[in-house]
C-alpha atoms as a PDB file:
ATOM      1  CA  MET A   1     -40.055 -48.412  52.133  1.00  0.00           C
ATOM      2  CA  THR A   2     -43.756 -47.928  51.551  1.00  0.00           C
ATOM      3  CA  ASN A   3     -44.974 -46.160  48.416  1.00  0.00           C
ATOM      4  CA  ALA A   4     -47.341 -43.999  50.446  1.00  0.00           C
ATOM      5  CA  ALA A   5     -48.597 -40.589  49.370  1.00  0.00           C
ATOM      6  CA  ILE A   6     -50.630 -39.948  52.542  1.00  0.00           C
ATOM      7  CA  GLU A   7     -50.413 -41.720  55.898  1.00  0.00           C
ATOM      8  CA  VAL A   8     -53.032 -41.108  58.568  1.00  0.00           C
ATOM      9  CA  SER A   9     -52.210 -42.451  62.041  1.00  0.00           C
ATOM     10  CA  GLY A  10     -54.449 -42.504  65.117  1.00  0.00           C
ATOM     11  CA  LEU A  11     -56.571 -39.631  63.799  1.00  0.00           C
ATOM     12  CA  VAL A  12     -59.132 -38.273  66.246  1.00  0.00           C
ATOM     13  CA  THR A  13     -61.106 -35.263  65.044  1.00  0.00           C
ATOM     14  CA  GLY A  14     -64.564 -33.737  64.833  1.00  0.00           C
ATOM     15  CA  TYR A  15     -66.492 -30.509  65.279  1.00  0.00           C
ATOM     16  CA  ASN A  16     -67.165 -28.615  68.512  1.00  0.00           C
ATOM     17  CA  ASP A  17     -67.538 -31.290  71.203  1.00  0.00           C
ATOM     18  CA  GLY A  18     -68.459 -34.098  68.824  1.00  0.00           C
ATOM     19  CA  THR A  19     -66.025 -36.746  67.610  1.00  0.00           C
ATOM     20  CA  VAL A  20     -66.453 -37.874  64.001  1.00  0.00           C
ATOM     21  CA  LEU A  21     -63.301 -39.909  63.392  1.00  0.00           C
ATOM     22  CA  ASP A  22     -61.846 -41.911  66.253  1.00  0.00           C
ATOM     23  CA  GLN A  23     -58.369 -43.489  66.112  1.00  0.00           C
ATOM     24  CA  LEU A  24     -58.510 -43.779  62.327  1.00  0.00           C
ATOM     25  CA  ASP A  25     -55.540 -45.231  60.444  1.00  0.00           C
ATOM     26  CA  LEU A  26     -55.235 -45.124  56.662  1.00  0.00           C
ATOM     27  CA  THR A  27     -52.545 -45.244  53.985  1.00  0.00           C
ATOM     28  CA  ILE A  28     -53.176 -43.752  50.540  1.00  0.00           C
ATOM     29  CA  MET A  29     -50.861 -45.310  47.974  1.00  0.00           C
ATOM     30  CA  SER A  30     -49.033 -43.074  45.525  1.00  0.00           C
ATOM     31  CA  GLY A  31     -50.194 -43.139  41.901  1.00  0.00           C
ATOM     32  CA  GLU A  32     -53.546 -44.765  42.610  1.00  0.00           C
ATOM     33  CA  VAL A  33     -57.170 -43.659  42.346  1.00  0.00           C
ATOM     34  CA  THR A  34     -58.814 -44.098  45.742  1.00  0.00           C
ATOM     35  CA  ALA A  35     -62.541 -43.670  46.391  1.00  0.00           C
ATOM     36  CA  ILE A  36     -63.818 -43.095  49.929  1.00  0.00           C
ATOM     37  CA  ILE A  37     -67.297 -44.499  50.498  1.00  0.00           C
ATOM     38  CA  GLY A  38     -69.661 -44.726  53.441  1.00  0.00           C
ATOM     39  CA  ALA A  39     -73.072 -43.762  54.762  1.00  0.00           C
ATOM     40  CA  ASN A  40     -74.130 -40.143  55.178  1.00  0.00           C
ATOM     41  CA  ALA A  41     -72.424 -38.338  58.079  1.00  0.00           C
ATOM     42  CA  CYS A  42     -69.916 -41.159  58.566  1.00  0.00           C
ATOM     43  CA  GLY A  43     -66.931 -38.811  58.262  1.00  0.00           C
ATOM     44  CA  LYS A  44     -65.907 -39.051  54.589  1.00  0.00           C
ATOM     45  CA  SER A  45     -65.665 -35.299  54.080  1.00  0.00           C
ATOM     46  CA  THR A  46     -64.135 -34.879  57.532  1.00  0.00           C
ATOM     47  CA  LEU A  47     -61.381 -37.294  56.559  1.00  0.00           C
ATOM     48  CA  LEU A  48     -60.721 -35.406  53.329  1.00  0.00           C
ATOM     49  CA  ARG A  49     -60.626 -32.073  55.184  1.00  0.00           C
ATOM     50  CA  SER A  50     -58.161 -33.576  57.659  1.00  0.00           C
ATOM     51  CA  MET A  51     -55.913 -34.753  54.837  1.00  0.00           C
ATOM     52  CA  SER A  52     -55.970 -31.266  53.278  1.00  0.00           C
ATOM     53  CA  ARG A  53     -55.118 -29.437  56.553  1.00  0.00           C
ATOM     54  CA  LEU A  54     -58.474 -27.673  56.691  1.00  0.00           C
ATOM     55  CA  LEU A  55     -59.264 -29.532  59.914  1.00  0.00           C
ATOM     56  CA  LYS A  56     -56.658 -29.981  62.627  1.00  0.00           C
ATOM     57  CA  PRO A  57     -56.665 -33.329  64.439  1.00  0.00           C
ATOM     58  CA  ARG A  58     -57.189 -33.457  68.172  1.00  0.00           C
ATOM     59  CA  THR A  59     -54.719 -36.312  68.312  1.00  0.00           C
ATOM     60  CA  GLY A  60     -52.883 -38.356  65.717  1.00  0.00           C
ATOM     61  CA  ARG A  61     -51.109 -37.115  62.617  1.00  0.00           C
ATOM     62  CA  VAL A  62     -51.268 -36.898  58.853  1.00  0.00           C
ATOM     63  CA  GLN A  63     -48.129 -37.219  56.726  1.00  0.00           C
ATOM     64  CA  ILE A  64     -47.643 -36.271  53.064  1.00  0.00           C
ATOM     65  CA  PHE A  65     -44.783 -38.165  51.437  1.00  0.00           C
ATOM     66  CA  GLY A  66     -43.372 -38.796  54.907  1.00  0.00           C
ATOM     67  CA  GLN A  67     -43.635 -35.171  56.101  1.00  0.00           C
ATOM     68  CA  ASP A  68     -45.966 -33.978  58.853  1.00  0.00           C
ATOM     69  CA  LEU A  69     -48.828 -32.158  57.129  1.00  0.00           C
ATOM     70  CA  HIS A  70     -49.104 -29.495  59.828  1.00  0.00           C
ATOM     71  CA  LYS A  71     -45.396 -28.685  59.790  1.00  0.00           C
ATOM     72  CA  MET A  72     -45.143 -28.069  56.043  1.00  0.00           C
ATOM     73  CA  PRO A  73     -44.969 -24.449  54.813  1.00  0.00           C
ATOM     74  CA  PRO A  74     -48.279 -23.543  53.136  1.00  0.00           C
ATOM     75  CA  ARG A  75     -46.697 -22.839  49.740  1.00  0.00           C
ATOM     76  CA  LYS A  76     -44.817 -26.145  49.743  1.00  0.00           C
ATOM     77  CA  LEU A  77     -47.982 -28.026  50.712  1.00  0.00           C
ATOM     78  CA  ALA A  78     -49.930 -26.291  47.924  1.00  0.00           C
ATOM     79  CA  GLN A  79     -47.319 -27.469  45.450  1.00  0.00           C
ATOM     80  CA  LYS A  80     -47.816 -31.064  46.581  1.00  0.00           C
ATOM     81  CA  LEU A  81     -51.543 -31.298  47.301  1.00  0.00           C
ATOM     82  CA  GLY A  82     -54.671 -29.802  45.753  1.00  0.00           C
ATOM     83  CA  PHE A  83     -58.161 -29.921  47.261  1.00  0.00           C
ATOM     84  CA  LEU A  84     -61.482 -29.414  45.493  1.00  0.00           C
ATOM     85  CA  PRO A  85     -64.301 -29.110  48.065  1.00  0.00           C
ATOM     86  CA  GLN A  86     -68.001 -29.716  47.577  1.00  0.00           C
ATOM     87  CA  SER A  87     -69.706 -26.964  45.562  1.00  0.00           C
ATOM     88  CA  PRO A  88     -66.771 -24.510  45.420  1.00  0.00           C
ATOM     89  CA  ILE A  89     -67.775 -20.867  44.942  1.00  0.00           C
ATOM     90  CA  ALA A  90     -65.937 -18.619  42.502  1.00  0.00           C
ATOM     91  CA  PRO A  91     -65.586 -14.874  43.090  1.00  0.00           C
ATOM     92  CA  GLU A  92     -68.282 -12.907  41.323  1.00  0.00           C
ATOM     93  CA  GLY A  93     -67.323 -11.639  37.878  1.00  0.00           C
ATOM     94  CA  ILE A  94     -64.275 -13.876  37.422  1.00  0.00           C
ATOM     95  CA  THR A  95     -63.548 -15.430  34.030  1.00  0.00           C
ATOM     96  CA  VAL A  96     -62.597 -19.045  33.467  1.00  0.00           C
ATOM     97  CA  LEU A  97     -59.068 -18.063  32.463  1.00  0.00           C
ATOM     98  CA  ASP A  98     -58.588 -15.980  35.599  1.00  0.00           C
ATOM     99  CA  LEU A  99     -59.864 -18.761  37.843  1.00  0.00           C
ATOM    100  CA  VAL A 100     -57.698 -21.443  36.260  1.00  0.00           C
ATOM    101  CA  SER A 101     -54.681 -19.120  36.410  1.00  0.00           C
ATOM    102  CA  ARG A 102     -55.096 -18.890  40.191  1.00  0.00           C
ATOM    103  CA  GLY A 103     -53.922 -22.468  40.355  1.00  0.00           C
ATOM    104  CA  ARG A 104     -50.414 -21.184  39.600  1.00  0.00           C
ATOM    105  CA  HIS A 105     -50.155 -18.983  42.712  1.00  0.00           C
ATOM    106  CA  PRO A 106     -48.232 -21.577  44.801  1.00  0.00           C
ATOM    107  CA  HIS A 107     -45.527 -21.715  42.120  1.00  0.00           C
ATOM    108  CA  GLN A 108     -44.981 -17.983  41.788  1.00  0.00           C
ATOM    109  CA  GLY A 109     -42.329 -16.046  43.666  1.00  0.00           C
ATOM    110  CA  VAL A 110     -42.680 -13.132  46.043  1.00  0.00           C
ATOM    111  CA  PHE A 111     -43.427 -10.705  43.209  1.00  0.00           C
ATOM    112  CA  GLY A 112     -45.897 -13.023  41.491  1.00  0.00           C
ATOM    113  CA  ARG A 113     -44.297 -12.817  38.055  1.00  0.00           C
ATOM    114  CA  TRP A 114     -46.108 -14.773  35.357  1.00  0.00           C
ATOM    115  CA  THR A 115     -43.713 -17.125  33.573  1.00  0.00           C
ATOM    116  CA  PRO A 116     -43.826 -19.236  30.393  1.00  0.00           C
ATOM    117  CA  ASP A 117     -44.108 -22.297  32.657  1.00  0.00           C
ATOM    118  CA  ASP A 118     -47.216 -20.799  34.255  1.00  0.00           C
ATOM    119  CA  GLN A 119     -48.783 -20.134  30.862  1.00  0.00           C
ATOM    120  CA  ALA A 120     -47.948 -23.631  29.645  1.00  0.00           C
ATOM    121  CA  ALA A 121     -49.534 -25.183  32.753  1.00  0.00           C
ATOM    122  CA  VAL A 122     -52.744 -23.172  32.305  1.00  0.00           C
ATOM    123  CA  ASP A 123     -52.961 -23.966  28.587  1.00  0.00           C
ATOM    124  CA  ALA A 124     -52.426 -27.672  29.280  1.00  0.00           C
ATOM    125  CA  ALA A 125     -55.130 -27.645  31.992  1.00  0.00           C
ATOM    126  CA  LEU A 126     -57.633 -25.947  29.672  1.00  0.00           C
ATOM    127  CA  ASP A 127     -56.808 -28.385  26.872  1.00  0.00           C
ATOM    128  CA  MET A 128     -57.069 -31.472  29.071  1.00  0.00           C
ATOM    129  CA  THR A 129     -60.463 -30.429  30.458  1.00  0.00           C
ATOM    130  CA  GLY A 130     -61.843 -29.228  27.124  1.00  0.00           C
ATOM    131  CA  THR A 131     -62.469 -25.739  28.509  1.00  0.00           C
ATOM    132  CA  HIS A 132     -60.251 -23.624  26.234  1.00  0.00           C
ATOM    133  CA  ASP A 133     -63.291 -22.289  24.397  1.00  0.00           C
ATOM    134  CA  LEU A 134     -64.750 -21.143  27.734  1.00  0.00           C
ATOM    135  CA  ALA A 135     -61.685 -19.119  28.750  1.00  0.00           C
ATOM    136  CA  GLU A 136     -63.275 -15.679  28.390  1.00  0.00           C
ATOM    137  CA  ARG A 137     -66.678 -16.598  29.829  1.00  0.00           C
ATOM    138  CA  LEU A 138     -67.740 -15.822  33.387  1.00  0.00           C
ATOM    139  CA  VAL A 139     -67.691 -18.855  35.666  1.00  0.00           C
ATOM    140  CA  GLU A 140     -71.113 -17.902  37.058  1.00  0.00           C
ATOM    141  CA  ASP A 141     -72.652 -18.226  33.585  1.00  0.00           C
ATOM    142  CA  LEU A 142     -71.549 -21.836  33.052  1.00  0.00           C
ATOM    143  CA  SER A 143     -73.586 -25.003  33.438  1.00  0.00           C
ATOM    144  CA  GLY A 144     -72.880 -27.338  36.336  1.00  0.00           C
ATOM    145  CA  GLY A 145     -70.851 -29.728  34.208  1.00  0.00           C
ATOM    146  CA  GLN A 146     -68.820 -26.928  32.628  1.00  0.00           C
ATOM    147  CA  ARG A 147     -68.181 -25.327  36.007  1.00  0.00           C
ATOM    148  CA  GLN A 148     -66.903 -28.589  37.486  1.00  0.00           C
ATOM    149  CA  ARG A 149     -64.498 -29.030  34.581  1.00  0.00           C
ATOM    150  CA  VAL A 150     -63.200 -25.508  35.142  1.00  0.00           C
ATOM    151  CA  TRP A 151     -62.550 -26.158  38.836  1.00  0.00           C
ATOM    152  CA  ILE A 152     -60.699 -29.335  37.922  1.00  0.00           C
ATOM    153  CA  ALA A 153     -58.710 -27.313  35.350  1.00  0.00           C
ATOM    154  CA  MET A 154     -57.641 -24.957  38.138  1.00  0.00           C
ATOM    155  CA  ALA A 155     -56.510 -27.950  40.199  1.00  0.00           C
ATOM    156  CA  LEU A 156     -54.605 -29.313  37.191  1.00  0.00           C
ATOM    157  CA  ALA A 157     -52.883 -25.963  36.666  1.00  0.00           C
ATOM    158  CA  GLN A 158     -51.714 -26.189  40.273  1.00  0.00           C
ATOM    159  CA  GLY A 159     -49.670 -29.196  39.143  1.00  0.00           C
ATOM    160  CA  THR A 160     -49.824 -31.148  42.399  1.00  0.00           C
ATOM    161  CA  GLU A 161     -48.867 -34.769  42.915  1.00  0.00           C
ATOM    162  CA  ILE A 162     -52.000 -35.411  45.001  1.00  0.00           C
ATOM    163  CA  LEU A 163     -55.541 -34.251  44.232  1.00  0.00           C
ATOM    164  CA  LEU A 164     -58.355 -34.570  46.794  1.00  0.00           C
ATOM    165  CA  LEU A 165     -61.934 -34.143  45.569  1.00  0.00           C
ATOM    166  CA  ASP A 166     -65.025 -34.092  47.773  1.00  0.00           C
ATOM    167  CA  GLU A 167     -67.983 -35.480  45.805  1.00  0.00           C
ATOM    168  CA  PRO A 168     -66.843 -34.191  42.388  1.00  0.00           C
ATOM    169  CA  THR A 169     -69.899 -35.652  40.638  1.00  0.00           C
ATOM    170  CA  THR A 170     -72.595 -34.278  42.956  1.00  0.00           C
ATOM    171  CA  TYR A 171     -75.439 -32.434  41.168  1.00  0.00           C
ATOM    172  CA  LEU A 172     -74.194 -33.580  37.747  1.00  0.00           C
ATOM    173  CA  ASP A 173     -76.246 -35.680  35.359  1.00  0.00           C
ATOM    174  CA  ILE A 174     -74.885 -39.127  34.576  1.00  0.00           C
ATOM    175  CA  ASN A 175     -73.225 -38.045  31.321  1.00  0.00           C
ATOM    176  CA  HIS A 176     -71.239 -35.321  33.086  1.00  0.00           C
ATOM    177  CA  GLN A 177     -70.439 -37.673  35.970  1.00  0.00           C
ATOM    178  CA  ILE A 178     -68.785 -40.053  33.519  1.00  0.00           C
ATOM    179  CA  ASP A 179     -66.971 -37.154  31.828  1.00  0.00           C
ATOM    180  CA  VAL A 180     -65.502 -35.993  35.143  1.00  0.00           C
ATOM    181  CA  LEU A 181     -64.446 -39.480  36.226  1.00  0.00           C
ATOM    182  CA  ASP A 182     -62.925 -40.188  32.807  1.00  0.00           C
ATOM    183  CA  LEU A 183     -61.015 -36.930  33.088  1.00  0.00           C
ATOM    184  CA  LEU A 184     -59.667 -37.828  36.537  1.00  0.00           C
ATOM    185  CA  THR A 185     -58.617 -41.238  35.224  1.00  0.00           C
ATOM    186  CA  ASP A 186     -56.786 -39.528  32.338  1.00  0.00           C
ATOM    187  CA  LEU A 187     -55.017 -37.327  34.867  1.00  0.00           C
ATOM    188  CA  ASN A 188     -53.977 -40.329  36.909  1.00  0.00           C
ATOM    189  CA  GLN A 189     -52.763 -42.364  33.936  1.00  0.00           C
ATOM    190  CA  GLU A 190     -51.058 -39.565  31.994  1.00  0.00           C
ATOM    191  CA  ARG A 191     -49.523 -37.595  34.856  1.00  0.00           C
ATOM    192  CA  GLY A 192     -49.385 -40.202  37.614  1.00  0.00           C
ATOM    193  CA  THR A 193     -51.424 -37.960  39.915  1.00  0.00           C
ATOM    194  CA  THR A 194     -52.664 -39.612  43.086  1.00  0.00           C
ATOM    195  CA  ILE A 195     -56.451 -39.138  43.150  1.00  0.00           C
ATOM    196  CA  VAL A 196     -58.506 -39.381  46.347  1.00  0.00           C
ATOM    197  CA  MET A 197     -62.226 -38.690  46.026  1.00  0.00           C
ATOM    198  CA  VAL A 198     -65.391 -39.087  48.025  1.00  0.00           C
ATOM    199  CA  LEU A 199     -68.117 -40.721  45.928  1.00  0.00           C
ATOM    200  CA  HIS A 200     -71.713 -41.630  46.728  1.00  0.00           C
ATOM    201  CA  ASP A 201     -72.326 -43.807  43.677  1.00  0.00           C
ATOM    202  CA  LEU A 202     -70.849 -47.137  44.731  1.00  0.00           C
ATOM    203  CA  ASN A 203     -70.934 -48.637  41.258  1.00  0.00           C
ATOM    204  CA  LEU A 204     -69.004 -45.739  39.756  1.00  0.00           C
ATOM    205  CA  ALA A 205     -66.576 -45.870  42.674  1.00  0.00           C
ATOM    206  CA  ALA A 206     -65.964 -49.562  42.025  1.00  0.00           C
ATOM    207  CA  ARG A 207     -65.516 -49.014  38.289  1.00  0.00           C
ATOM    208  CA  TYR A 208     -63.096 -46.079  38.469  1.00  0.00           C
ATOM    209  CA  ALA A 209     -61.085 -46.619  41.654  1.00  0.00           C
ATOM    210  CA  ASP A 210     -58.046 -48.816  42.139  1.00  0.00           C
ATOM    211  CA  ARG A 211     -58.837 -48.930  45.832  1.00  0.00           C
ATOM    212  CA  LEU A 212     -61.950 -48.399  47.943  1.00  0.00           C
ATOM    213  CA  VAL A 213     -61.939 -47.130  51.519  1.00  0.00           C
ATOM    214  CA  ALA A 214     -65.157 -47.896  53.408  1.00  0.00           C
ATOM    215  CA  ILE A 215     -65.731 -45.705  56.475  1.00  0.00           C
ATOM    216  CA  GLY A 216     -68.008 -46.764  59.321  1.00  0.00           C
ATOM    217  CA  ASN A 217     -68.336 -45.893  63.014  1.00  0.00           C
ATOM    218  CA  GLY A 218     -65.604 -43.287  62.798  1.00  0.00           C
ATOM    219  CA  GLN A 219     -62.967 -45.689  61.544  1.00  0.00           C
ATOM    220  CA  VAL A 220     -61.864 -47.514  58.410  1.00  0.00           C
ATOM    221  CA  HIS A 221     -64.161 -50.494  58.063  1.00  0.00           C
ATOM    222  CA  SER A 222     -62.231 -51.972  55.158  1.00  0.00           C
ATOM    223  CA  VAL A 223     -59.804 -50.969  52.420  1.00  0.00           C
ATOM    224  CA  GLY A 224     -58.661 -52.743  49.272  1.00  0.00           C
ATOM    225  CA  ALA A 225     -59.483 -53.519  45.670  1.00  0.00           C
ATOM    226  CA  PRO A 226     -63.147 -52.980  44.698  1.00  0.00           C
ATOM    227  CA  SER A 227     -63.632 -56.720  44.176  1.00  0.00           C
ATOM    228  CA  ASP A 228     -62.610 -57.302  47.798  1.00  0.00           C
ATOM    229  CA  ILE A 229     -64.482 -54.386  49.393  1.00  0.00           C
ATOM    230  CA  LEU A 230     -67.802 -54.043  47.550  1.00  0.00           C
ATOM    231  CA  THR A 231     -69.449 -57.097  49.085  1.00  0.00           C
ATOM    232  CA  GLU A 232     -72.902 -57.848  50.416  1.00  0.00           C
ATOM    233  CA  THR A 233     -71.456 -58.100  53.923  1.00  0.00           C
ATOM    234  CA  MET A 234     -69.838 -54.651  53.705  1.00  0.00           C
ATOM    235  CA  LEU A 235     -73.050 -53.122  52.340  1.00  0.00           C
ATOM    236  CA  THR A 236     -74.963 -54.512  55.306  1.00  0.00           C
ATOM    237  CA  GLU A 237     -72.416 -53.480  57.935  1.00  0.00           C
ATOM    238  CA  VAL A 238     -71.564 -50.013  56.585  1.00  0.00           C
ATOM    239  CA  PHE A 239     -74.796 -48.900  54.887  1.00  0.00           C
ATOM    240  CA  GLY A 240     -77.401 -51.126  56.553  1.00  0.00           C
ATOM    241  CA  LEU A 241     -78.376 -52.112  53.022  1.00  0.00           C
ATOM    242  CA  ASN A 242     -79.727 -55.383  51.711  1.00  0.00           C
ATOM    243  CA  ALA A 243     -78.205 -55.733  48.245  1.00  0.00           C
ATOM    244  CA  ARG A 244     -76.801 -58.175  45.749  1.00  0.00           C
ATOM    245  CA  VAL A 245     -73.350 -57.845  44.202  1.00  0.00           C
ATOM    246  CA  MET A 246     -72.581 -59.107  40.704  1.00  0.00           C
ATOM    247  CA  ALA A 247     -70.095 -58.416  37.915  1.00  0.00           C
ATOM    248  CA  ASP A 248     -70.497 -55.173  35.995  1.00  0.00           C
ATOM    249  CA  PRO A 249     -71.100 -56.287  32.376  1.00  0.00           C
ATOM    250  CA  VAL A 250     -68.996 -53.377  31.060  1.00  0.00           C
ATOM    251  CA  GLY A 251     -65.869 -53.324  33.208  1.00  0.00           C
ATOM    252  CA  ARG A 252     -66.232 -56.578  35.170  1.00  0.00           C
ATOM    253  CA  SER A 253     -65.897 -54.596  38.394  1.00  0.00           C
ATOM    254  CA  PRO A 254     -68.351 -55.454  41.175  1.00  0.00           C
ATOM    255  CA  MET A 255     -71.802 -53.914  40.759  1.00  0.00           C
ATOM    256  CA  MET A 256     -74.268 -53.383  43.584  1.00  0.00           C
ATOM    257  CA  VAL A 257     -78.016 -53.913  43.084  1.00  0.00           C
ATOM    258  CA  PRO A 258     -80.118 -52.874  46.104  1.00  0.00           C
ATOM    259  CA  VAL A 259     -83.036 -54.983  47.268  1.00  0.00           C
ATOM    260  CA  GLY A 260     -85.917 -52.805  48.443  1.00  0.00           C
ATOM    261  CA  ARG A 261     -89.284 -53.710  49.888  1.00  0.00           C
ATOM    262  CA  TYR A 262     -90.671 -54.142  46.389  1.00  0.00           C
ATOM    263  CA  LYS A 263     -89.197 -55.790  43.342  1.00  0.00           C
ATOM    264  CA  VAL A 264     -90.171 -57.020  39.881  1.00  0.00           C
ATOM    265  CA  THR A 265     -90.850 -60.708  40.266  1.00  0.00           C
ATOM    266  CA  ASN A 266     -91.612 -61.888  36.730  1.00  0.00           C
ATOM    267  CA  ASP A 267     -91.271 -61.039  33.049  1.00  0.00           C
ATOM    268  CA  THR A 268     -94.676 -59.388  32.897  1.00  0.00           C
ATOM    269  CA  GLY A 269     -93.475 -56.595  35.187  1.00  0.00           C
ATOM    270  CA  THR A 270     -95.657 -57.572  38.134  1.00  0.00           C
ATOM    271  CA  VAL A 271     -94.327 -55.851  41.241  1.00  0.00           C
ATOM    272  CA  ARG A 272     -94.776 -57.581  44.546  1.00  0.00           C
ATOM    273  CA  LYS A 273     -93.603 -56.983  48.055  1.00  0.00           C
ATOM    274  CA  ASN A 274     -90.186 -58.474  48.727  1.00  0.00           C
ATOM    275  CA  ALA A 275     -90.379 -61.335  51.168  1.00  0.00           C
ATOM    276  CA  GLY A 276     -86.715 -60.917  52.123  1.00  0.00           C
END
């Protein structure tokens, strides 16, 4: 029996008359951190939206822990899977505490009674994300890094086994990018949460993910450990990029160094046109 959290089979989907993903197959393993990579407009976000039931497939199916995604009751699905889209927008005038508390809605009964378990989940989410001191502030008044931590806190309060994140580090400076990825790694290691995220920074994807999924031409180009996937051949075929791959001196994961038309050719800093 496979230890699969999400299984995508023969997925065909897109927008209006256009097809973005065509006969795509993918298995997301439970308890792992998976990063989806690929060129712009290749279908990374479309795949994530399909796995969160925001986009219905034309053909094919998506299963969550062996159950058809589109046949699961919404409340049950929300207890199993959380989704953080790109640049989420909070209601105007909402405090951090109120926003994070909304993550508990799938676990509340018909009358929406607040329970000690709900309070404990919210407190734990605020503690884990370091946002307890922001609880009474308005979300709209926060910095980008603070706001992203608050959205992740809401997802943590939801208490799902799977968390999908679409470009969680976009618009953040490098320090906050590392903070967010460290936080997601903590969540994975301490709670066993299956993390699936779209990332543009290939080196950060290789450092933080257990598994990379490279998307190209509407299908999975390759999937596996970063050391197997982040190769010069993949970079050429998926991104059309001439690059060199070497060991990251910090984590020993593969590190990509692009080769542009110009490069430093000697110790004096002389820059000359790259001959290829």
